[in-house]
C-alpha atoms as a PDB file:
ATOM      1  CA  UNK A   1      16.508 -38.808 199.625  1.00  0.00           C
ATOM      2  CA  UNK A   2      16.771 -34.962 198.734  1.00  0.00           C
ATOM      3  CA  UNK A   3      19.513 -33.673 196.789  1.00  0.00           C
ATOM      4  CA  UNK A   4      21.010 -32.075 199.846  1.00  0.00           C
ATOM      5  CA  UNK A   5      21.258 -35.639 201.069  1.00  0.00           C
ATOM      6  CA  UNK A   6      18.600 -35.760 203.803  1.00  0.00           C
ATOM      7  CA  UNK A   7      16.105 -38.554 203.943  1.00  0.00           C
ATOM      8  CA  UNK A   8      12.425 -37.565 203.665  1.00  0.00           C
ATOM      9  CA  UNK A   9      10.471 -37.544 206.866  1.00  0.00           C
ATOM     10  CA  UNK A  10       6.578 -37.625 206.888  1.00  0.00           C
ATOM     11  CA  UNK A  11       6.679 -35.216 209.455  1.00  0.00           C
ATOM     12  CA  UNK A  12       8.998 -32.769 208.013  1.00  0.00           C
ATOM     13  CA  UNK A  13       7.316 -29.653 206.322  1.00  0.00           C
ATOM     14  CA  UNK A  14       7.773 -29.530 202.581  1.00  0.00           C
ATOM     15  CA  UNK A  15       8.049 -27.051 200.029  1.00  0.00           C
ATOM     16  CA  UNK A  16       8.450 -27.070 196.217  1.00  0.00           C
ATOM     17  CA  UNK A  17      11.703 -25.989 194.572  1.00  0.00           C
ATOM     18  CA  UNK A  18      11.164 -23.285 192.120  1.00  0.00           C
ATOM     19  CA  UNK A  19      13.743 -24.769 189.527  1.00  0.00           C
ATOM     20  CA  UNK A  20      13.193 -28.415 189.609  1.00  0.00           C
ATOM     21  CA  UNK A  21       9.628 -28.305 190.667  1.00  0.00           C
ATOM     22  CA  UNK A  22      10.185 -31.105 193.185  1.00  0.00           C
ATOM     23  CA  UNK A  23       8.438 -31.149 196.669  1.00  0.00           C
ATOM     24  CA  UNK A  24      10.551 -32.033 199.205  1.00  0.00           C
ATOM     25  CA  UNK A  25      11.566 -31.786 203.156  1.00  0.00           C
ATOM     26  CA  UNK A  26      12.289 -28.049 203.499  1.00  0.00           C
ATOM     27  CA  UNK A  27      15.416 -29.262 205.290  1.00  0.00           C
ATOM     28  CA  UNK A  28      16.963 -29.951 201.762  1.00  0.00           C
ATOM     29  CA  UNK A  29      16.193 -26.362 200.521  1.00  0.00           C
ATOM     30  CA  UNK A  30      17.221 -22.725 201.178  1.00  0.00           C
ATOM     31  CA  UNK A  31      14.560 -20.111 201.615  1.00  0.00           C
ATOM     32  CA  UNK A  32      14.726 -16.891 200.056  1.00  0.00           C
ATOM     33  CA  UNK A  33      12.557 -13.747 200.333  1.00  0.00           C
ATOM     34  CA  UNK A  34      11.665 -10.358 198.256  1.00  0.00           C
ATOM     35  CA  UNK A  35      12.875  -7.301 199.998  1.00  0.00           C
ATOM     36  CA  UNK A  36      11.099  -3.983 200.206  1.00  0.00           C
ATOM     37  CA  UNK A  37      13.873  -2.797 197.703  1.00  0.00           C
ATOM     38  CA  UNK A  38      12.832  -5.467 194.960  1.00  0.00           C
ATOM     39  CA  UNK A  39      16.217  -7.334 196.071  1.00  0.00           C
ATOM     40  CA  UNK A  40      16.197 -11.289 196.732  1.00  0.00           C
ATOM     41  CA  UNK A  41      17.735 -12.174 199.932  1.00  0.00           C
ATOM     42  CA  UNK A  42      18.546 -15.403 201.353  1.00  0.00           C
ATOM     43  CA  UNK A  43      16.884 -16.433 204.522  1.00  0.00           C
ATOM     44  CA  UNK A  44      19.078 -19.353 206.163  1.00  0.00           C
ATOM     45  CA  UNK A  45      17.592 -19.138 209.617  1.00  0.00           C
ATOM     46  CA  UNK A  46      13.887 -18.863 207.982  1.00  0.00           C
ATOM     47  CA  UNK A  47      12.876 -16.026 210.023  1.00  0.00           C
ATOM     48  CA  UNK A  48      12.509 -13.143 207.678  1.00  0.00           C
ATOM     49  CA  UNK A  49       9.141 -11.656 206.900  1.00  0.00           C
ATOM     50  CA  UNK A  50       6.974 -12.243 203.560  1.00  0.00           C
ATOM     51  CA  UNK A  51       6.455 -15.243 201.456  1.00  0.00           C
ATOM     52  CA  UNK A  52       9.344 -17.967 201.213  1.00  0.00           C
ATOM     53  CA  UNK A  53      10.862 -18.924 197.801  1.00  0.00           C
ATOM     54  CA  UNK A  54      12.654 -22.276 198.136  1.00  0.00           C
ATOM     55  CA  UNK A  55      15.523 -23.531 196.080  1.00  0.00           C
ATOM     56  CA  UNK A  56      16.848 -26.883 196.475  1.00  0.00           C
ATOM     57  CA  UNK A  57      20.445 -26.803 198.396  1.00  0.00           C
ATOM     58  CA  UNK A  58      22.567 -27.341 195.193  1.00  0.00           C
ATOM     59  CA  UNK A  59      25.155 -25.028 193.709  1.00  0.00           C
ATOM     60  CA  UNK A  60      23.763 -26.038 190.213  1.00  0.00           C
ATOM     61  CA  UNK A  61      20.342 -25.608 190.828  1.00  0.00           C
ATOM     62  CA  UNK A  62      20.702 -22.321 192.479  1.00  0.00           C
ATOM     63  CA  UNK A  63      22.690 -20.830 189.709  1.00  0.00           C
ATOM     64  CA  UNK A  64      19.860 -22.045 187.498  1.00  0.00           C
ATOM     65  CA  UNK A  65      17.482 -20.093 189.252  1.00  0.00           C
ATOM     66  CA  UNK A  66      19.260 -16.856 189.248  1.00  0.00           C
ATOM     67  CA  UNK A  67      20.101 -17.115 185.641  1.00  0.00           C
ATOM     68  CA  UNK A  68      16.762 -17.834 184.326  1.00  0.00           C
ATOM     69  CA  UNK A  69      15.066 -15.158 186.526  1.00  0.00           C
ATOM     70  CA  UNK A  70      12.896 -17.656 188.501  1.00  0.00           C
ATOM     71  CA  UNK A  71      13.135 -15.876 191.406  1.00  0.00           C
ATOM     72  CA  UNK A  72      11.042 -12.814 189.841  1.00  0.00           C
ATOM     73  CA  UNK A  73       8.641 -15.516 188.593  1.00  0.00           C
ATOM     74  CA  UNK A  74       8.006 -17.455 191.784  1.00  0.00           C
ATOM     75  CA  UNK A  75       7.800 -13.732 193.410  1.00  0.00           C
ATOM     76  CA  UNK A  76       5.111 -12.635 190.503  1.00  0.00           C
ATOM     77  CA  UNK A  77       7.002  -9.245 190.808  1.00  0.00           C
ATOM     78  CA  UNK A  78      10.183  -7.556 189.556  1.00  0.00           C
ATOM     79  CA  UNK A  79      13.113  -9.191 191.503  1.00  0.00           C
ATOM     80  CA  UNK A  80      17.006  -8.593 191.526  1.00  0.00           C
ATOM     81  CA  UNK A  81      19.741 -11.093 192.851  1.00  0.00           C
ATOM     82  CA  UNK A  82      22.880  -9.888 194.104  1.00  0.00           C
ATOM     83  CA  UNK A  83      25.706 -10.401 191.878  1.00  0.00           C
ATOM     84  CA  UNK A  84      27.170 -12.764 194.426  1.00  0.00           C
ATOM     85  CA  UNK A  85      24.407 -14.534 195.400  1.00  0.00           C
ATOM     86  CA  UNK A  86      25.665 -18.152 195.474  1.00  0.00           C
ATOM     87  CA  UNK A  87      28.757 -16.880 197.750  1.00  0.00           C
ATOM     88  CA  UNK A  88      26.197 -15.156 200.221  1.00  0.00           C
ATOM     89  CA  UNK A  89      24.493 -18.218 200.498  1.00  0.00           C
ATOM     90  CA  UNK A  90      27.345 -20.410 200.983  1.00  0.00           C
ATOM     91  CA  UNK A  91      29.155 -17.943 203.557  1.00  0.00           C
ATOM     92  CA  UNK A  92      25.885 -17.907 205.667  1.00  0.00           C
ATOM     93  CA  UNK A  93      25.529 -21.856 205.601  1.00  0.00           C
ATOM     94  CA  UNK A  94      29.245 -22.349 206.676  1.00  0.00           C
ATOM     95  CA  UNK A  95      28.790 -19.751 209.286  1.00  0.00           C
ATOM     96  CA  UNK A  96      25.741 -21.575 210.729  1.00  0.00           C
ATOM     97  CA  UNK A  97      27.490 -24.997 210.469  1.00  0.00           C
ATOM     98  CA  UNK A  98      30.361 -23.449 212.489  1.00  0.00           C
ATOM     99  CA  UNK A  99      28.421 -21.994 215.199  1.00  0.00           C
ATOM    100  CA  UNK A 100      26.191 -25.205 215.812  1.00  0.00           C
ATOM    101  CA  UNK A 101      29.115 -27.458 215.917  1.00  0.00           C
ATOM    102  CA  UNK A 102      30.737 -25.016 218.383  1.00  0.00           C
ATOM    103  CA  UNK A 103      27.594 -25.387 220.279  1.00  0.00           C
ATOM    104  CA  UNK A 104      27.785 -29.115 219.944  1.00  0.00           C
ATOM    105  CA  UNK A 105      31.356 -29.066 221.165  1.00  0.00           C
ATOM    106  CA  UNK A 106      30.336 -26.739 224.433  1.00  0.00           C
ATOM    107  CA  UNK A 107      27.671 -29.219 225.389  1.00  0.00           C
ATOM    108  CA  UNK A 108      30.551 -32.050 225.510  1.00  0.00           C
ATOM    109  CA  UNK A 109      29.337 -33.921 222.305  1.00  0.00           C
ATOM    110  CA  UNK A 110      32.242 -33.336 220.196  1.00  0.00           C
ATOM    111  CA  UNK A 111      36.036 -34.272 219.985  1.00  0.00           C
ATOM    112  CA  UNK A 112      38.740 -33.247 217.389  1.00  0.00           C
ATOM    113  CA  UNK A 113      42.151 -34.801 216.772  1.00  0.00           C
ATOM    114  CA  UNK A 114      42.888 -37.846 214.955  1.00  0.00           C
ATOM    115  CA  UNK A 115      43.354 -40.183 217.880  1.00  0.00           C
ATOM    116  CA  UNK A 116      40.282 -39.082 220.249  1.00  0.00           C
ATOM    117  CA  UNK A 117      38.020 -39.382 216.876  1.00  0.00           C
ATOM    118  CA  UNK A 118      39.462 -42.884 216.223  1.00  0.00           C
ATOM    119  CA  UNK A 119      38.654 -43.527 219.902  1.00  0.00           C
ATOM    120  CA  UNK A 120      35.148 -42.402 219.624  1.00  0.00           C
ATOM    121  CA  UNK A 121      34.636 -44.321 216.244  1.00  0.00           C
ATOM    122  CA  UNK A 122      35.881 -47.555 218.005  1.00  0.00           C
ATOM    123  CA  UNK A 123      33.646 -47.118 221.015  1.00  0.00           C
ATOM    124  CA  UNK A 124      30.447 -46.554 218.834  1.00  0.00           C
ATOM    125  CA  UNK A 125      30.209 -42.846 220.288  1.00  0.00           C
ATOM    126  CA  UNK A 126      30.366 -40.936 217.073  1.00  0.00           C
ATOM    127  CA  UNK A 127      27.458 -40.151 215.195  1.00  0.00           C
ATOM    128  CA  UNK A 128      29.204 -37.883 212.616  1.00  0.00           C
ATOM    129  CA  UNK A 129      32.517 -38.009 211.091  1.00  0.00           C
ATOM    130  CA  UNK A 130      34.008 -34.702 209.975  1.00  0.00           C
ATOM    131  CA  UNK A 131      37.089 -34.379 207.931  1.00  0.00           C
ATOM    132  CA  UNK A 132      38.301 -31.214 206.518  1.00  0.00           C
ATOM    133  CA  UNK A 133      38.151 -30.701 202.748  1.00  0.00           C
ATOM    134  CA  UNK A 134      41.768 -29.624 202.697  1.00  0.00           C
ATOM    135  CA  UNK A 135      43.219 -32.480 204.945  1.00  0.00           C
ATOM    136  CA  UNK A 136      45.552 -35.385 203.558  1.00  0.00           C
ATOM    137  CA  UNK A 137      43.478 -37.909 201.832  1.00  0.00           C
ATOM    138  CA  UNK A 138      45.740 -40.654 203.115  1.00  0.00           C
ATOM    139  CA  UNK A 139      45.599 -39.321 206.755  1.00  0.00           C
ATOM    140  CA  UNK A 140      41.417 -39.024 206.453  1.00  0.00           C
ATOM    141  CA  UNK A 141      41.525 -42.631 204.652  1.00  0.00           C
ATOM    142  CA  UNK A 142      42.609 -43.907 207.799  1.00  0.00           C
ATOM    143  CA  UNK A 143      39.058 -43.261 209.723  1.00  0.00           C
ATOM    144  CA  UNK A 144      35.824 -44.718 208.578  1.00  0.00           C
ATOM    145  CA  UNK A 145      31.957 -43.562 208.858  1.00  0.00           C
ATOM    146  CA  UNK A 146      30.286 -44.352 211.980  1.00  0.00           C
ATOM    147  CA  UNK A 147      27.789 -47.231 211.571  1.00  0.00           C
ATOM    148  CA  UNK A 148      24.706 -45.970 210.796  1.00  0.00           C
ATOM    149  CA  UNK A 149      26.106 -42.387 210.777  1.00  0.00           C
ATOM    150  CA  UNK A 150      27.067 -39.913 208.739  1.00  0.00           C
ATOM    151  CA  UNK A 151      30.727 -38.569 207.123  1.00  0.00           C
ATOM    152  CA  UNK A 152      30.770 -34.919 205.707  1.00  0.00           C
ATOM    153  CA  UNK A 153      34.010 -33.387 204.175  1.00  0.00           C
ATOM    154  CA  UNK A 154      32.773 -30.062 202.853  1.00  0.00           C
ATOM    155  CA  UNK A 155      34.189 -27.606 205.802  1.00  0.00           C
ATOM    156  CA  UNK A 156      37.728 -26.678 205.382  1.00  0.00           C
ATOM    157  CA  UNK A 157      40.257 -26.968 207.944  1.00  0.00           C
ATOM    158  CA  UNK A 158      40.289 -23.276 209.226  1.00  0.00           C
ATOM    159  CA  UNK A 159      36.462 -23.595 209.403  1.00  0.00           C
ATOM    160  CA  UNK A 160      36.474 -26.923 211.350  1.00  0.00           C
ATOM    161  CA  UNK A 161      39.096 -25.385 213.523  1.00  0.00           C
ATOM    162  CA  UNK A 162      37.062 -22.452 214.407  1.00  0.00           C
ATOM    163  CA  UNK A 163      34.244 -24.450 215.479  1.00  0.00           C
ATOM    164  CA  UNK A 164      36.477 -25.902 217.990  1.00  0.00           C
ATOM    165  CA  UNK A 165      38.487 -22.704 218.942  1.00  0.00           C
ATOM    166  CA  UNK A 166      41.113 -23.664 217.252  1.00  0.00           C
ATOM    167  CA  UNK A 167      43.257 -22.359 214.281  1.00  0.00           C
ATOM    168  CA  UNK A 168      42.705 -25.627 211.990  1.00  0.00           C
ATOM    169  CA  UNK A 169      41.361 -28.974 212.610  1.00  0.00           C
ATOM    170  CA  UNK A 170      41.315 -31.652 210.050  1.00  0.00           C
ATOM    171  CA  UNK A 171      39.320 -34.882 212.110  1.00  0.00           C
ATOM    172  CA  UNK A 172      36.137 -34.144 214.139  1.00  0.00           C
ATOM    173  CA  UNK A 173      33.291 -36.299 215.397  1.00  0.00           C
ATOM    174  CA  UNK A 174      30.118 -35.435 216.874  1.00  0.00           C
ATOM    175  CA  UNK A 175      27.692 -37.691 219.134  1.00  0.00           C
ATOM    176  CA  UNK A 176      24.289 -38.437 218.638  1.00  0.00           C
ATOM    177  CA  UNK A 177      21.544 -36.601 220.280  1.00  0.00           C
ATOM    178  CA  UNK A 178      21.529 -32.618 221.181  1.00  0.00           C
ATOM    179  CA  UNK A 179      22.047 -30.421 218.018  1.00  0.00           C
ATOM    180  CA  UNK A 180      23.598 -32.864 216.280  1.00  0.00           C
ATOM    181  CA  UNK A 181      20.616 -33.524 214.009  1.00  0.00           C
ATOM    182  CA  UNK A 182      20.545 -29.814 213.315  1.00  0.00           C
ATOM    183  CA  UNK A 183      24.239 -30.096 212.239  1.00  0.00           C
ATOM    184  CA  UNK A 184      23.492 -32.585 209.761  1.00  0.00           C
ATOM    185  CA  UNK A 185      20.674 -30.813 208.137  1.00  0.00           C
ATOM    186  CA  UNK A 186      22.821 -27.458 207.877  1.00  0.00           C
ATOM    187  CA  UNK A 187      25.984 -29.143 206.918  1.00  0.00           C
ATOM    188  CA  UNK A 188      24.073 -30.991 204.131  1.00  0.00           C
ATOM    189  CA  UNK A 189      22.858 -27.761 202.829  1.00  0.00           C
ATOM    190  CA  UNK A 190      26.475 -26.648 202.785  1.00  0.00           C
ATOM    191  CA  UNK A 191      27.762 -29.352 200.905  1.00  0.00           C
ATOM    192  CA  UNK A 192      25.414 -29.274 198.073  1.00  0.00           C
ATOM    193  CA  UNK A 193      26.611 -25.682 197.579  1.00  0.00           C
ATOM    194  CA  UNK A 194      29.837 -26.814 197.687  1.00  0.00           C
ATOM    195  CA  UNK A 195      29.195 -29.687 195.230  1.00  0.00           C
ATOM    196  CA  UNK A 196      30.179 -32.413 197.805  1.00  0.00           C
ATOM    197  CA  UNK A 197      28.135 -35.296 198.173  1.00  0.00           C
ATOM    198  CA  UNK A 198      25.943 -34.401 201.208  1.00  0.00           C
ATOM    199  CA  UNK A 199      27.769 -37.331 203.379  1.00  0.00           C
ATOM    200  CA  UNK A 200      25.980 -39.682 201.279  1.00  0.00           C
ATOM    201  CA  UNK A 201      29.237 -41.576 200.577  1.00  0.00           C
ATOM    202  CA  UNK A 202      32.033 -42.280 203.189  1.00  0.00           C
ATOM    203  CA  UNK A 203      35.657 -41.862 202.789  1.00  0.00           C
ATOM    204  CA  UNK A 204      35.797 -45.553 203.530  1.00  0.00           C
ATOM    205  CA  UNK A 205      33.407 -48.215 204.063  1.00  0.00           C
ATOM    206  CA  UNK A 206      31.964 -48.650 207.490  1.00  0.00           C
ATOM    207  CA  UNK A 207      33.595 -51.093 209.385  1.00  0.00           C
ATOM    208  CA  UNK A 208      34.741 -51.632 212.930  1.00  0.00           C
ATOM    209  CA  UNK A 209      37.955 -50.674 214.582  1.00  0.00           C
END
């Protein structure tokens, strides 16, 4: 299991974290590149040109890379990091997760609202349970992680609402298939940056309704 909460798969491309030295599937790391201006930039979409510098999607690990100047060592060249690097990465990941969930919603593979989510869980349709980090623990505790699925609680109610075209939302669920695996990958990275558990631990034990 990677620190970002994704199980290893032999078919996944692997990269080495410049801080921990661990080799793991790149889905559990964040890619950075050295720009022509000597500045380190996060490459969340992994499309920027240049040699990739990889860091485990974990807030403490990223902060260590910045504080110890490990980006310059990895780049083998002078390198500067923005003062708000951690916040930049977190914001970019959150935007990507919201966008992906929105696409899942438009494909008909997502619902929000306590009763609809509970219905999907009871029917076995839900693969992922999403619950807002700022929602009531009492209300969130009435739902459960899908059997064989995942739970994530690192999005705010505003972010979860934005993904569904609402002002805010507390409970959401995603069905299997489509872009749901991509959502799991990206939200696992975000959970690491927000010091969440990456969906490895359920709010409640898995059970049937």
